[in-house]
Amino acid sequence: MMMDAGDSISAVSALVAAAAAVVGWWQAHSARRTVKASEEQVNVMRDQLALERTLRDDSIQAPF
C-alpha cells in the first residue's frame, strides 16, 4: 500500500506533535523540580536567618 503526499504529511505532523508533547511534559517536569528546589533553599535560608537572629539577640543581652 502506497502513501500519498497527504498521508505522509499527516504522519509527519503526528510525529512532530507527539515530540512536542514529550518536550512540553519534560519542561513542565523540570520546572516543577526547579520550583521545589527553590522552595527548599528558601526554607534553609529562613532557618539560617532565624538562627542568626537568635544568636545576635543572645549576644546583645546583658551578661547578668
PDB file of N, CA and C in Angstrom:
ATOM      1  N   MET A   1       0.839  -1.167   0.000  1.00  0.00           N
ATOM      2  CA  MET A   1       0.000   0.000   0.000  1.00  0.00           C
ATOM      3  C   MET A   1       0.892   1.241   0.000  1.00  0.00           C
ATOM      4  N   MET A   2       0.654   2.115  -0.934  1.00  0.00           N
ATOM      5  CA  MET A   2       1.442   3.334  -1.069  1.00  0.00           C
ATOM      6  C   MET A   2       0.748   4.470  -0.314  1.00  0.00           C
ATOM      7  N   MET A   3       1.568   5.321   0.287  1.00  0.00           N
ATOM      8  CA  MET A   3       1.024   6.513   0.942  1.00  0.00           C
ATOM      9  C   MET A   3       1.156   7.681  -0.023  1.00  0.00           C
ATOM     10  N   ASP A   4       0.124   8.458  -0.120  1.00  0.00           N
ATOM     11  CA  ASP A   4       0.243   9.644  -0.954  1.00  0.00           C
ATOM     12  C   ASP A   4       0.815  10.787  -0.123  1.00  0.00           C
ATOM     13  N   ALA A   5       1.010  11.936  -0.726  1.00  0.00           N
ATOM     14  CA  ALA A   5       1.648  13.067  -0.052  1.00  0.00           C
ATOM     15  C   ALA A   5       0.865  13.509   1.180  1.00  0.00           C
ATOM     16  N   GLY A   6      -0.446  13.505   1.091  1.00  0.00           N
ATOM     17  CA  GLY A   6      -1.277  13.922   2.230  1.00  0.00           C
ATOM     18  C   GLY A   6      -1.100  13.003   3.429  1.00  0.00           C
ATOM     19  N   ASP A   7      -1.019  11.692   3.164  1.00  0.00           N
ATOM     20  CA  ASP A   7      -0.817  10.730   4.251  1.00  0.00           C
ATOM     21  C   ASP A   7       0.558  10.919   4.891  1.00  0.00           C
ATOM     22  N   SER A   8       1.560  11.166   4.066  1.00  0.00           N
ATOM     23  CA  SER A   8       2.913  11.367   4.587  1.00  0.00           C
ATOM     24  C   SER A   8       2.976  12.624   5.447  1.00  0.00           C
ATOM     25  N   ILE A   9       2.348  13.682   4.984  1.00  0.00           N
ATOM     26  CA  ILE A   9       2.339  14.927   5.749  1.00  0.00           C
ATOM     27  C   ILE A   9       1.608  14.734   7.069  1.00  0.00           C
ATOM     28  N   SER A  10       0.507  14.003   7.048  1.00  0.00           N
ATOM     29  CA  SER A  10      -0.241  13.741   8.279  1.00  0.00           C
ATOM     30  C   SER A  10       0.577  12.924   9.265  1.00  0.00           C
ATOM     31  N   ALA A  11       1.289  11.921   8.762  1.00  0.00           N
ATOM     32  CA  ALA A  11       2.107  11.083   9.639  1.00  0.00           C
ATOM     33  C   ALA A  11       3.236  11.898  10.259  1.00  0.00           C
ATOM     34  N   VAL A  12       3.901  12.709   9.456  1.00  0.00           N
ATOM     35  CA  VAL A  12       4.987  13.541   9.974  1.00  0.00           C
ATOM     36  C   VAL A  12       4.440  14.554  10.974  1.00  0.00           C
ATOM     37  N   SER A  13       3.290  15.126  10.686  1.00  0.00           N
ATOM     38  CA  SER A  13       2.679  16.081  11.615  1.00  0.00           C
ATOM     39  C   SER A  13       2.344  15.423  12.947  1.00  0.00           C
ATOM     40  N   ALA A  14       1.855  14.195  12.892  1.00  0.00           N
ATOM     41  CA  ALA A  14       1.535  13.471  14.124  1.00  0.00           C
ATOM     42  C   ALA A  14       2.801  13.203  14.929  1.00  0.00           C
ATOM     43  N   LEU A  15       3.891  12.835  14.257  1.00  0.00           N
ATOM     44  CA  LEU A  15       5.159  12.600  14.953  1.00  0.00           C
ATOM     45  C   LEU A  15       5.699  13.892  15.573  1.00  0.00           C
ATOM     46  N   VAL A  16       5.606  14.989  14.848  1.00  0.00           N
ATOM     47  CA  VAL A  16       6.073  16.276  15.375  1.00  0.00           C
ATOM     48  C   VAL A  16       5.229  16.681  16.580  1.00  0.00           C
ATOM     49  N   ALA A  17       3.922  16.477  16.510  1.00  0.00           N
ATOM     50  CA  ALA A  17       3.044  16.812  17.633  1.00  0.00           C
ATOM     51  C   ALA A  17       3.369  15.953  18.855  1.00  0.00           C
ATOM     52  N   ALA A  18       3.636  14.671  18.627  1.00  0.00           N
ATOM     53  CA  ALA A  18       3.988  13.788  19.740  1.00  0.00           C
ATOM     54  C   ALA A  18       5.311  14.211  20.365  1.00  0.00           C
ATOM     55  N   ALA A  19       6.282  14.550  19.529  1.00  0.00           N
ATOM     56  CA  ALA A  19       7.575  15.005  20.053  1.00  0.00           C
ATOM     57  C   ALA A  19       7.410  16.307  20.832  1.00  0.00           C
ATOM     58  N   ALA A  20       6.582  17.210  20.329  1.00  0.00           N
ATOM     59  CA  ALA A  20       6.338  18.470  21.039  1.00  0.00           C
ATOM     60  C   ALA A  20       5.661  18.220  22.382  1.00  0.00           C
ATOM     61  N   ALA A  21       4.758  17.254  22.426  1.00  0.00           N
ATOM     62  CA  ALA A  21       4.100  16.925  23.693  1.00  0.00           C
ATOM     63  C   ALA A  21       5.097  16.384  24.708  1.00  0.00           C
ATOM     64  N   VAL A  22       6.000  15.535  24.249  1.00  0.00           N
ATOM     65  CA  VAL A  22       7.031  14.982  25.148  1.00  0.00           C
ATOM     66  C   VAL A  22       7.943  16.096  25.656  1.00  0.00           C
ATOM     67  N   VAL A  23       8.362  16.982  24.775  1.00  0.00           N
ATOM     68  CA  VAL A  23       9.226  18.095  25.178  1.00  0.00           C
ATOM     69  C   VAL A  23       8.487  19.000  26.166  1.00  0.00           C
ATOM     70  N   GLY A  24       7.224  19.282  25.911  1.00  0.00           N
ATOM     71  CA  GLY A  24       6.427  20.109  26.825  1.00  0.00           C
ATOM     72  C   GLY A  24       6.291  19.467  28.192  1.00  0.00           C
ATOM     73  N   TRP A  25       6.057  18.149  28.224  1.00  0.00           N
ATOM     74  CA  TRP A  25       5.952  17.450  29.503  1.00  0.00           C
ATOM     75  C   TRP A  25       7.278  17.532  30.252  1.00  0.00           C
ATOM     76  N   TRP A  26       8.390  17.319  29.531  1.00  0.00           N
ATOM     77  CA  TRP A  26       9.702  17.357  30.179  1.00  0.00           C
ATOM     78  C   TRP A  26       9.992  18.746  30.747  1.00  0.00           C
ATOM     79  N   GLN A  27       9.636  19.785  30.019  1.00  0.00           N
ATOM     80  CA  GLN A  27       9.863  21.146  30.504  1.00  0.00           C
ATOM     81  C   GLN A  27       9.033  21.418  31.757  1.00  0.00           C
ATOM     82  N   ALA A  28       7.797  20.970  31.763  1.00  0.00           N
ATOM     83  CA  ALA A  28       6.950  21.160  32.944  1.00  0.00           C
ATOM     84  C   ALA A  28       7.508  20.392  34.140  1.00  0.00           C
ATOM     85  N   HIS A  29       7.953  19.178  33.906  1.00  0.00           N
ATOM     86  CA  HIS A  29       8.535  18.360  34.974  1.00  0.00           C
ATOM     87  C   HIS A  29       9.796  19.019  35.528  1.00  0.00           C
ATOM     88  N   SER A  30      10.629  19.518  34.641  1.00  0.00           N
ATOM     89  CA  SER A  30      11.855  20.186  35.047  1.00  0.00           C
ATOM     90  C   SER A  30      11.548  21.469  35.826  1.00  0.00           C
ATOM     91  N   ALA A  31      10.558  22.220  35.383  1.00  0.00           N
ATOM     92  CA  ALA A  31      10.179  23.451  36.080  1.00  0.00           C
ATOM     93  C   ALA A  31       9.667  23.136  37.480  1.00  0.00           C
ATOM     94  N   ARG A  32       8.889  22.070  37.608  1.00  0.00           N
ATOM     95  CA  ARG A  32       8.387  21.681  38.933  1.00  0.00           C
ATOM     96  C   ARG A  32       9.540  21.328  39.867  1.00  0.00           C
ATOM     97  N   ARG A  33      10.532  20.606  39.355  1.00  0.00           N
ATOM     98  CA  ARG A  33      11.700  20.264  40.187  1.00  0.00           C
ATOM     99  C   ARG A  33      12.466  21.515  40.588  1.00  0.00           C
ATOM    100  N   THR A  34      12.571  22.466  39.673  1.00  0.00           N
ATOM    101  CA  THR A  34      13.279  23.717  39.968  1.00  0.00           C
ATOM    102  C   THR A  34      12.550  24.502  41.046  1.00  0.00           C
ATOM    103  N   VAL A  35      11.228  24.563  40.966  1.00  0.00           N
ATOM    104  CA  VAL A  35      10.445  25.273  41.971  1.00  0.00           C
ATOM    105  C   VAL A  35      10.598  24.605  43.332  1.00  0.00           C
ATOM    106  N   LYS A  36      10.552  23.283  43.357  1.00  0.00           N
ATOM    107  CA  LYS A  36      10.695  22.564  44.621  1.00  0.00           C
ATOM    108  C   LYS A  36      12.071  22.825  45.243  1.00  0.00           C
ATOM    109  N   ALA A  37      13.114  22.804  44.432  1.00  0.00           N
ATOM    110  CA  ALA A  37      14.463  23.072  44.934  1.00  0.00           C
ATOM    111  C   ALA A  37      14.577  24.505  45.447  1.00  0.00           C
ATOM    112  N   SER A  38      13.941  25.437  44.763  1.00  0.00           N
ATOM    113  CA  SER A  38      13.969  26.836  45.203  1.00  0.00           C
ATOM    114  C   SER A  38      13.255  26.997  46.535  1.00  0.00           C
ATOM    115  N   GLU A  39      12.120  26.333  46.689  1.00  0.00           N
ATOM    116  CA  GLU A  39      11.385  26.403  47.960  1.00  0.00           C
ATOM    117  C   GLU A  39      12.214  25.825  49.101  1.00  0.00           C
ATOM    118  N   GLU A  40      12.909  24.730  48.833  1.00  0.00           N
ATOM    119  CA  GLU A  40      13.763  24.136  49.871  1.00  0.00           C
ATOM    120  C   GLU A  40      14.898  25.084  50.237  1.00  0.00           C
ATOM    121  N   GLN A  41      15.459  25.751  49.247  1.00  0.00           N
ATOM    122  CA  GLN A  41      16.537  26.704  49.505  1.00  0.00           C
ATOM    123  C   GLN A  41      16.030  27.871  50.344  1.00  0.00           C
ATOM    124  N   VAL A  42      14.833  28.360  50.052  1.00  0.00           N
ATOM    125  CA  VAL A  42      14.250  29.451  50.835  1.00  0.00           C
ATOM    126  C   VAL A  42      14.042  29.005  52.278  1.00  0.00           C
ATOM    127  N   ASN A  43      13.581  27.787  52.481  1.00  0.00           N
ATOM    128  CA  ASN A  43      13.383  27.282  53.843  1.00  0.00           C
ATOM    129  C   ASN A  43      14.705  27.202  54.604  1.00  0.00           C
ATOM    130  N   VAL A  44      15.760  26.766  53.942  1.00  0.00           N
ATOM    131  CA  VAL A  44      17.079  26.699  54.583  1.00  0.00           C
ATOM    132  C   VAL A  44      17.543  28.104  54.957  1.00  0.00           C
ATOM    133  N   MET A  45      17.375  29.056  54.040  1.00  0.00           N
ATOM    134  CA  MET A  45      17.795  30.429  54.321  1.00  0.00           C
ATOM    135  C   MET A  45      16.973  31.039  55.457  1.00  0.00           C
ATOM    136  N   ARG A  46      15.682  30.731  55.513  1.00  0.00           N
ATOM    137  CA  ARG A  46      14.824  31.236  56.581  1.00  0.00           C
ATOM    138  C   ARG A  46      15.284  30.690  57.932  1.00  0.00           C
ATOM    139  N   ASP A  47      15.602  29.391  57.973  1.00  0.00           N
ATOM    140  CA  ASP A  47      16.092  28.783  59.215  1.00  0.00           C
ATOM    141  C   ASP A  47      17.427  29.394  59.627  1.00  0.00           C
ATOM    142  N   GLN A  48      18.288  29.633  58.666  1.00  0.00           N
ATOM    143  CA  GLN A  48      19.594  30.233  58.969  1.00  0.00           C
ATOM    144  C   GLN A  48      19.425  31.651  59.514  1.00  0.00           C
ATOM    145  N   LEU A  49      18.527  32.417  58.922  1.00  0.00           N
ATOM    146  CA  LEU A  49      18.282  33.778  59.394  1.00  0.00           C
ATOM    147  C   LEU A  49      17.721  33.772  60.811  1.00  0.00           C
ATOM    148  N   ALA A  50      16.803  32.845  61.097  1.00  0.00           N
ATOM    149  CA  ALA A  50      16.247  32.752  62.440  1.00  0.00           C
ATOM    150  C   ALA A  50      17.336  32.416  63.453  1.00  0.00           C
ATOM    151  N   LEU A  51      18.243  31.509  63.094  1.00  0.00           N
ATOM    152  CA  LEU A  51      19.345  31.160  63.992  1.00  0.00           C
ATOM    153  C   LEU A  51      20.270  32.350  64.210  1.00  0.00           C
ATOM    154  N   GLU A  52      20.586  33.077  63.130  1.00  0.00           N
ATOM    155  CA  GLU A  52      21.450  34.247  63.273  1.00  0.00           C
ATOM    156  C   GLU A  52      20.812  35.313  64.150  1.00  0.00           C
ATOM    157  N   ARG A  53      19.511  35.504  64.032  1.00  0.00           N
ATOM    158  CA  ARG A  53      18.821  36.484  64.882  1.00  0.00           C
ATOM    159  C   ARG A  53      18.857  36.048  66.340  1.00  0.00           C
ATOM    160  N   THR A  54      18.665  34.763  66.572  1.00  0.00           N
ATOM    161  CA  THR A  54      18.716  34.253  67.946  1.00  0.00           C
ATOM    162  C   THR A  54      20.099  34.457  68.543  1.00  0.00           C
ATOM    163  N   LEU A  55      21.118  34.128  67.768  1.00  0.00           N
ATOM    164  CA  LEU A  55      22.489  34.300  68.264  1.00  0.00           C
ATOM    165  C   LEU A  55      22.801  35.776  68.501  1.00  0.00           C
ATOM    166  N   ARG A  56      22.347  36.634  67.627  1.00  0.00           N
ATOM    167  CA  ARG A  56      22.582  38.066  67.777  1.00  0.00           C
ATOM    168  C   ARG A  56      21.862  38.582  69.029  1.00  0.00           C
ATOM    169  N   ASP A  57      20.612  38.198  69.208  1.00  0.00           N
ATOM    170  CA  ASP A  57      19.856  38.644  70.374  1.00  0.00           C
ATOM    171  C   ASP A  57      20.480  38.131  71.671  1.00  0.00           C
ATOM    172  N   ASP A  58      20.998  36.922  71.642  1.00  0.00           N
ATOM    173  CA  ASP A  58      21.640  36.368  72.837  1.00  0.00           C
ATOM    174  C   ASP A  58      22.924  37.151  73.161  1.00  0.00           C
ATOM    175  N   SER A  59      23.641  37.587  72.153  1.00  0.00           N
ATOM    176  CA  SER A  59      24.886  38.297  72.404  1.00  0.00           C
ATOM    177  C   SER A  59      24.653  39.736  72.825  1.00  0.00           C
ATOM    178  N   ILE A  60      23.483  40.291  72.526  1.00  0.00           N
ATOM    179  CA  ILE A  60      23.167  41.672  72.879  1.00  0.00           C
ATOM    180  C   ILE A  60      22.734  41.770  74.349  1.00  0.00           C
ATOM    181  N   GLN A  61      22.151  40.720  74.889  1.00  0.00           N
ATOM    182  CA  GLN A  61      21.630  40.760  76.262  1.00  0.00           C
ATOM    183  C   GLN A  61      22.750  40.977  77.274  1.00  0.00           C
ATOM    184  N   ALA A  62      22.364  41.625  78.359  1.00  0.00           N
ATOM    185  CA  ALA A  62      23.338  41.890  79.429  1.00  0.00           C
ATOM    186  C   ALA A  62      23.787  40.565  80.052  1.00  0.00           C
ATOM    187  N   PRO A  63      25.044  40.451  80.441  1.00  0.00           N
ATOM    188  CA  PRO A  63      25.567  39.185  80.941  1.00  0.00           C
ATOM    189  C   PRO A  63      25.133  38.864  82.378  1.00  0.00           C
ATOM    190  N   PHE A  64      24.348  39.691  83.012  1.00  0.00           N
ATOM    191  CA  PHE A  64      23.956  39.384  84.410  1.00  0.00           C
ATOM    192  C   PHE A  64      22.560  38.894  84.523  1.00  0.00           C
TER     193      PHE A  64
END
